[in-house]
Each structure stands twice: as structure tokens, then as C-alpha cells.
Amino acid sequence: MERQTKAMRALSRRAFPEPDAVADEEPAPIDQARVQRRRQAAATEAAALRRARAEGAGLVVRETVPRSLVRTA
């Protein structure tokens, strides 16, 4: 019974290795992903605000249909 238990524990360790220890000052991987998503969202929001302000000032003509989809006769 002990031999089987040791064998099962060894297989378990191989199948599910312990994750590498993360230093205290490093954020966890989920935190890194969350920060990256927030940065992307902030960049997208800033670009949308710039575009809206430019459109409001009449500096940009808003296209209803992208030019790549418009067929010329």
C-alpha cells in the first residue's frame, strides 16, 4: 500500500508540478493580464474621445461606409 501511495504521489507531482514561486514585488499573471486589458481599454477610449472631438470641431468627416467597400462606376 505504501509503495502504491508513493508511486501515485510521484505521478501526481509529474502531472501537476508546483508553479514557480513568484517574487513578492512581481504581480501575479492574472493581475498582469488585467492591467494590460485596462491599458488597452484606456487607449481605445482616448482614441475615441480624440476622434469625437475632431468630428465635433469639423476637422474630420465621418465616413458612413468605408471607402474600401464603395464601388466606383
C-alpha atoms as a PDB file:
ATOM      1  CA  MET A   1       0.000   0.000   0.000  1.00  0.00           C
ATOM      2  CA  GLU A   2       2.807   2.449   0.842  1.00  0.00           C
ATOM      3  CA  ARG A   3       4.545   1.724  -2.434  1.00  0.00           C
ATOM      4  CA  GLN A   4       1.364   2.480  -4.354  1.00  0.00           C
ATOM      5  CA  THR A   5       0.871   5.702  -2.414  1.00  0.00           C
ATOM      6  CA  LYS A   6       4.440   6.826  -3.170  1.00  0.00           C
ATOM      7  CA  ALA A   7       4.004   5.954  -6.837  1.00  0.00           C
ATOM      8  CA  MET A   8       0.731   7.884  -7.034  1.00  0.00           C
ATOM      9  CA  ARG A   9       2.284  10.925  -5.364  1.00  0.00           C
ATOM     10  CA  ALA A  10       5.225  10.827  -7.771  1.00  0.00           C
ATOM     11  CA  LEU A  11       2.869  10.634 -10.756  1.00  0.00           C
ATOM     12  CA  SER A  12       0.807  13.450  -9.327  1.00  0.00           C
ATOM     13  CA  ARG A  13       3.883  15.658  -8.924  1.00  0.00           C
ATOM     14  CA  ARG A  14       4.861  14.994 -12.543  1.00  0.00           C
ATOM     15  CA  ALA A  15       1.363  15.630 -13.847  1.00  0.00           C
ATOM     16  CA  PHE A  16       0.743  18.723 -11.712  1.00  0.00           C
ATOM     17  CA  PRO A  17       4.067  20.425 -10.994  1.00  0.00           C
ATOM     18  CA  GLU A  18       4.208  23.175  -8.423  1.00  0.00           C
ATOM     19  CA  PRO A  19       4.085  26.617 -10.059  1.00  0.00           C
ATOM     20  CA  ASP A  20       7.270  28.643  -9.931  1.00  0.00           C
ATOM     21  CA  ALA A  21       7.426  30.905  -6.936  1.00  0.00           C
ATOM     22  CA  VAL A  22       6.585  34.498  -7.821  1.00  0.00           C
ATOM     23  CA  ALA A  23       8.645  37.191  -6.169  1.00  0.00           C
ATOM     24  CA  ASP A  24       6.720  39.448  -3.812  1.00  0.00           C
ATOM     25  CA  GLU A  25       7.229  42.551  -5.943  1.00  0.00           C
ATOM     26  CA  GLU A  26       6.031  40.873  -9.167  1.00  0.00           C
ATOM     27  CA  PRO A  27       2.306  40.927  -9.887  1.00  0.00           C
ATOM     28  CA  ALA A  28       0.521  37.622 -10.389  1.00  0.00           C
ATOM     29  CA  PRO A  29      -0.157  36.634 -14.034  1.00  0.00           C
ATOM     30  CA  ILE A  30      -3.869  37.396 -13.687  1.00  0.00           C
ATOM     31  CA  ASP A  31      -3.031  40.873 -12.431  1.00  0.00           C
ATOM     32  CA  GLN A  32      -0.718  41.413 -15.399  1.00  0.00           C
ATOM     33  CA  ALA A  33      -3.494  40.440 -17.820  1.00  0.00           C
ATOM     34  CA  ARG A  34      -5.962  42.714 -16.023  1.00  0.00           C
ATOM     35  CA  VAL A  35      -3.550  45.663 -16.186  1.00  0.00           C
ATOM     36  CA  GLN A  36      -2.931  45.044 -19.888  1.00  0.00           C
ATOM     37  CA  ARG A  37      -6.677  44.960 -20.636  1.00  0.00           C
ATOM     38  CA  ARG A  38      -7.185  48.194 -18.705  1.00  0.00           C
ATOM     39  CA  ARG A  39      -4.376  49.893 -20.648  1.00  0.00           C
ATOM     40  CA  GLN A  40      -5.869  48.753 -23.956  1.00  0.00           C
ATOM     41  CA  ALA A  41      -9.310  49.966 -22.914  1.00  0.00           C
ATOM     42  CA  ALA A  42      -7.902  53.330 -21.839  1.00  0.00           C
ATOM     43  CA  ALA A  43      -6.058  53.714 -25.151  1.00  0.00           C
ATOM     44  CA  THR A  44      -9.205  52.857 -27.112  1.00  0.00           C
ATOM     45  CA  GLU A  45     -11.268  55.296 -25.067  1.00  0.00           C
ATOM     46  CA  ALA A  46      -8.704  58.077 -25.548  1.00  0.00           C
ATOM     47  CA  ALA A  47      -8.653  57.491 -29.322  1.00  0.00           C
ATOM     48  CA  ALA A  48     -12.463  57.579 -29.446  1.00  0.00           C
ATOM     49  CA  LEU A  49     -12.544  60.843 -27.482  1.00  0.00           C
ATOM     50  CA  ARG A  50      -9.954  62.429 -29.778  1.00  0.00           C
ATOM     51  CA  ARG A  51     -11.935  61.336 -32.832  1.00  0.00           C
ATOM     52  CA  ALA A  52     -15.220  62.628 -31.377  1.00  0.00           C
ATOM     53  CA  ARG A  53     -13.659  65.986 -30.531  1.00  0.00           C
ATOM     54  CA  ALA A  54     -12.168  66.268 -34.001  1.00  0.00           C
ATOM     55  CA  GLU A  55     -15.526  65.414 -35.582  1.00  0.00           C
ATOM     56  CA  GLY A  56     -17.252  67.950 -33.351  1.00  0.00           C
ATOM     57  CA  ALA A  57     -14.777  70.617 -34.420  1.00  0.00           C
ATOM     58  CA  GLY A  58     -15.410  69.755 -38.086  1.00  0.00           C
ATOM     59  CA  LEU A  59     -11.851  68.549 -38.631  1.00  0.00           C
ATOM     60  CA  VAL A  60     -12.811  65.027 -39.642  1.00  0.00           C
ATOM     61  CA  VAL A  61     -15.570  63.960 -41.997  1.00  0.00           C
ATOM     62  CA  ARG A  62     -17.111  60.806 -40.675  1.00  0.00           C
ATOM     63  CA  GLU A  63     -17.483  58.026 -43.219  1.00  0.00           C
ATOM     64  CA  THR A  64     -20.697  56.046 -43.037  1.00  0.00           C
ATOM     65  CA  VAL A  65     -19.325  53.381 -45.398  1.00  0.00           C
ATOM     66  CA  PRO A  66     -15.610  52.588 -45.519  1.00  0.00           C
ATOM     67  CA  ARG A  67     -14.031  53.644 -48.807  1.00  0.00           C
ATOM     68  CA  SER A  68     -12.746  50.147 -49.382  1.00  0.00           C
ATOM     69  CA  LEU A  69     -16.360  48.955 -49.733  1.00  0.00           C
ATOM     70  CA  VAL A  70     -17.528  51.722 -52.105  1.00  0.00           C
ATOM     71  CA  ARG A  71     -17.625  50.711 -55.776  1.00  0.00           C
ATOM     72  CA  THR A  72     -16.902  53.351 -58.384  1.00  0.00           C
ATOM     73  CA  ALA A  73     -18.671  53.198 -61.755  1.00  0.00           C
END
